[in-house]
């Protein structure tokens, strides 16, 4: 139907057909570009979340390695808040450790209590998001005997 306006014996496309084809190509390209940006953003956030979880797990492993007896000593520096900027993502991550002390029955006690049986360790890592105006916190928890 579109080809009816061609002079006899001449092949090709009319200007209207070219404009419609280019418009379709532009719309398709914009859609593919939008999907690509979404995939890149999602990949970045997944990588950042993985790095944050590794940072939290690193603290938990250090605390398990020093043991419950050393952890309960006054002034234990493993409970201090630390900050690290990841070189690949350029995002600052702030790590803080909370410890809840328990006796054999699970009741909450103080670190100096003789009935202390185990500690519940929570490592919170707060970091900025891709937009930079919000922050997220991931908590990694474990028990230390």
Protein backbone atom coordinates (compact mmCIF):
# COMPACT_ATOMS: atom_id res chain seq x y z
CA UNK A 1 0.00 0.00 0.00
CA UNK A 2 2.78 2.43 0.85
CA UNK A 3 4.60 1.57 -2.36
CA UNK A 4 1.73 2.77 -4.61
CA UNK A 5 3.00 6.33 -4.70
CA UNK A 6 6.30 5.33 -6.31
CA UNK A 7 6.76 6.20 -9.90
CA UNK A 8 6.71 3.11 -12.09
CA UNK A 9 10.02 1.30 -12.27
CA UNK A 10 11.62 3.21 -9.39
CA UNK A 11 12.42 1.32 -6.17
CA UNK A 12 12.86 2.96 -2.78
CA UNK A 13 10.99 4.48 0.10
CA UNK A 14 9.04 7.66 0.38
CA UNK A 15 10.05 10.35 2.88
CA UNK A 16 7.11 9.42 5.12
CA UNK A 17 8.29 5.80 5.28
CA UNK A 18 11.83 6.93 6.17
CA UNK A 19 10.55 9.20 8.97
CA UNK A 20 8.34 6.42 10.39
CA UNK A 21 11.22 3.92 10.26
CA UNK A 22 13.62 6.31 11.97
CA UNK A 23 11.03 7.11 14.66
CA UNK A 24 10.57 3.40 15.37
CA UNK A 25 14.34 2.92 15.57
CA UNK A 26 14.68 5.90 17.94
CA UNK A 27 11.94 4.58 20.25
CA UNK A 28 13.50 1.13 20.29
CA UNK A 29 16.94 2.58 21.03
CA UNK A 30 15.55 4.69 23.90
CA UNK A 31 13.87 1.63 25.41
CA UNK A 32 17.04 -0.46 25.18
CA UNK A 33 19.07 2.40 26.71
CA UNK A 34 16.61 2.71 29.61
CA UNK A 35 16.78 -1.01 30.32
CA UNK A 36 20.57 -0.90 30.16
CA UNK A 37 20.71 1.94 32.72
CA UNK A 38 18.40 -0.01 35.04
CA UNK A 39 20.58 -3.11 34.77
CA UNK A 40 23.73 -1.10 35.50
CA UNK A 41 22.13 0.56 38.53
CA UNK A 42 20.93 -2.78 39.87
CA UNK A 43 24.35 -4.35 39.33
CA UNK A 44 26.03 -1.47 41.16
CA UNK A 45 23.68 -1.78 44.14
CA UNK A 46 24.21 -5.56 44.31
CA UNK A 47 27.98 -5.09 44.29
CA UNK A 48 27.72 -2.42 46.99
CA UNK A 49 25.46 -4.63 49.14
CA UNK A 50 27.94 -7.50 48.82
CA UNK A 51 30.85 -5.27 49.87
CA UNK A 52 28.86 -3.98 52.85
CA UNK A 53 27.97 -7.50 53.96
CA UNK A 54 31.63 -8.50 53.68
CA UNK A 55 32.61 -5.52 55.83
CA UNK A 56 30.08 -6.56 58.48
CA UNK A 57 31.11 -10.22 58.35
CA UNK A 58 34.75 -9.19 58.73
CA UNK A 59 33.88 -7.58 62.10
CA UNK A 60 31.95 -10.66 63.23
CA UNK A 61 34.88 -12.93 62.36
CA UNK A 62 37.28 -10.68 64.29
CA UNK A 63 35.00 -10.75 67.32
CA UNK A 64 34.65 -14.55 67.18
CA UNK A 65 38.44 -14.84 66.90
CA UNK A 66 39.11 -12.75 70.02
CA UNK A 67 36.55 -14.74 72.01
CA UNK A 68 33.99 -13.95 74.64
CA UNK A 69 36.46 -13.42 77.50
CA UNK A 70 38.42 -10.73 75.67
CA UNK A 71 35.28 -9.14 74.29
CA UNK A 72 33.88 -8.51 77.78
CA UNK A 73 37.01 -6.68 79.01
CA UNK A 74 36.50 -2.94 79.57
CA UNK A 75 37.74 -0.78 76.71
CA UNK A 76 37.65 -3.54 74.06
CA UNK A 77 38.42 -1.68 70.83
CA UNK A 78 36.48 -4.14 68.65
CA UNK A 79 33.30 -2.42 69.81
CA UNK A 80 34.34 0.97 68.41
CA UNK A 81 32.64 2.49 65.38
CA UNK A 82 34.85 2.43 62.29
CA UNK A 83 34.51 4.02 58.86
CA UNK A 84 35.91 2.82 55.56
CA UNK A 85 35.56 4.20 52.05
CA UNK A 86 35.50 1.53 49.42
CA UNK A 87 37.98 2.37 46.63
CA UNK A 88 35.92 0.79 43.84
CA UNK A 89 32.53 2.32 44.71
CA UNK A 90 33.74 5.51 46.49
CA UNK A 91 31.02 4.96 49.13
CA UNK A 92 31.72 5.54 52.83
CA UNK A 93 30.64 2.68 55.09
CA UNK A 94 30.26 3.19 58.84
CA UNK A 95 30.42 0.03 60.95
CA UNK A 96 29.23 -0.13 64.56
CA UNK A 97 29.01 -3.14 66.85
CA UNK A 98 26.34 -3.76 69.48
CA UNK A 99 26.65 -6.57 72.01
CA UNK A 100 23.86 -8.00 74.15
CA UNK A 101 25.10 -10.24 76.98
CA UNK A 102 23.06 -13.28 78.09
CA UNK A 103 23.16 -15.86 80.88
CA UNK A 104 22.38 -19.60 80.50
CA UNK A 105 18.61 -18.95 80.59
CA UNK A 106 18.82 -16.27 77.90
CA UNK A 107 18.20 -13.37 80.25
CA UNK A 108 20.04 -10.15 79.48
CA UNK A 109 22.95 -9.48 81.87
CA UNK A 110 25.95 -7.11 82.01
CA UNK A 111 29.39 -7.94 80.63
CA UNK A 112 30.83 -8.18 84.14
CA UNK A 113 28.15 -10.59 85.39
CA UNK A 114 29.53 -13.99 86.50
CA UNK A 115 26.56 -15.84 84.99
CA UNK A 116 27.50 -14.63 81.51
CA UNK A 117 27.11 -17.51 79.06
CA UNK A 118 27.08 -15.99 75.57
CA UNK A 119 26.88 -12.74 73.67
CA UNK A 120 24.58 -11.70 70.88
CA UNK A 121 26.64 -9.58 68.48
CA UNK A 122 25.02 -7.21 65.98
CA UNK A 123 27.15 -5.42 63.41
CA UNK A 124 25.41 -2.50 61.71
CA UNK A 125 26.88 -1.03 58.54
CA UNK A 126 25.37 2.22 57.28
CA UNK A 127 26.22 3.41 53.77
CA UNK A 128 25.01 5.80 51.11
CA UNK A 129 22.93 4.75 48.15
CA UNK A 130 23.35 5.45 44.46
CA UNK A 131 21.41 8.71 44.66
CA UNK A 132 23.44 9.84 47.65
CA UNK A 133 20.55 11.46 49.52
CA UNK A 134 19.49 8.32 51.41
CA UNK A 135 21.40 5.88 53.53
CA UNK A 136 20.83 2.20 54.14
CA UNK A 137 21.77 0.03 57.08
CA UNK A 138 22.52 -3.68 56.94
CA UNK A 139 22.71 -5.65 60.19
CA UNK A 140 24.71 -8.86 60.48
CA UNK A 141 24.12 -10.85 63.70
CA UNK A 142 25.68 -13.88 65.38
CA UNK A 143 26.12 -15.54 68.77
CA UNK A 144 29.52 -15.78 70.49
CA UNK A 145 30.13 -18.40 73.16
